[in-house]
C-alpha cells in the first residue's frame, strides 16, 4: 500500500521570492550569482 504524500504548492513561495527580488531591483541572474546557483532553479 502506498503512503499518501502531502503536496506543497510552491507557487506562493516562488512569487514571494520574485517580489522580494524585484523590490531590490535584481535580476534572476544576479540572485543566482549571489547564492551560487543557476538562475533556472
Protein backbone atom coordinates (compact mmCIF):
# COMPACT_ATOMS: atom_id res chain seq x y z
CA UNK A 1 0.00 0.00 0.00
CA UNK A 2 1.35 3.43 -0.93
CA UNK A 3 1.76 6.10 1.67
CA UNK A 4 -0.22 9.27 0.98
CA UNK A 5 2.11 12.23 0.49
CA UNK A 6 1.10 15.79 1.18
CA UNK A 7 1.81 18.03 -1.77
CA UNK A 8 3.12 21.54 -1.20
CA UNK A 9 2.22 24.34 -3.60
CA UNK A 10 5.48 26.17 -4.25
CA UNK A 11 3.80 28.87 -6.33
CA UNK A 12 3.23 31.23 -3.38
CA UNK A 13 6.83 30.70 -2.25
CA UNK A 14 8.15 31.46 -5.73
CA UNK A 15 6.01 34.58 -6.03
CA UNK A 16 7.31 35.86 -2.68
CA UNK A 17 10.90 35.38 -3.86
CA UNK A 18 10.14 37.14 -7.14
CA UNK A 19 8.50 40.07 -5.34
CA UNK A 20 11.48 40.48 -2.98
CA UNK A 21 13.90 40.25 -5.91
CA UNK A 22 12.05 42.90 -7.91
CA UNK A 23 11.82 45.26 -4.91
CA UNK A 24 15.60 45.15 -4.73
CA UNK A 25 15.98 45.66 -8.47
CA UNK A 26 17.79 42.36 -9.00
CA UNK A 27 17.61 40.04 -11.99
CA UNK A 28 17.33 36.27 -11.66
CA UNK A 29 20.90 36.01 -12.86
CA UNK A 30 22.12 38.39 -10.15
CA UNK A 31 20.31 36.48 -7.41
CA UNK A 32 21.68 33.23 -8.80
CA UNK A 33 25.22 34.60 -8.65
CA UNK A 34 24.69 35.80 -5.07
CA UNK A 35 23.58 32.37 -3.86
CA UNK A 36 25.85 30.45 -6.24
CA UNK A 37 23.11 28.56 -8.04
CA UNK A 38 21.91 28.52 -11.64
CA UNK A 39 19.06 31.04 -12.13
CA UNK A 40 16.86 28.32 -13.64
CA UNK A 41 16.48 26.84 -10.15
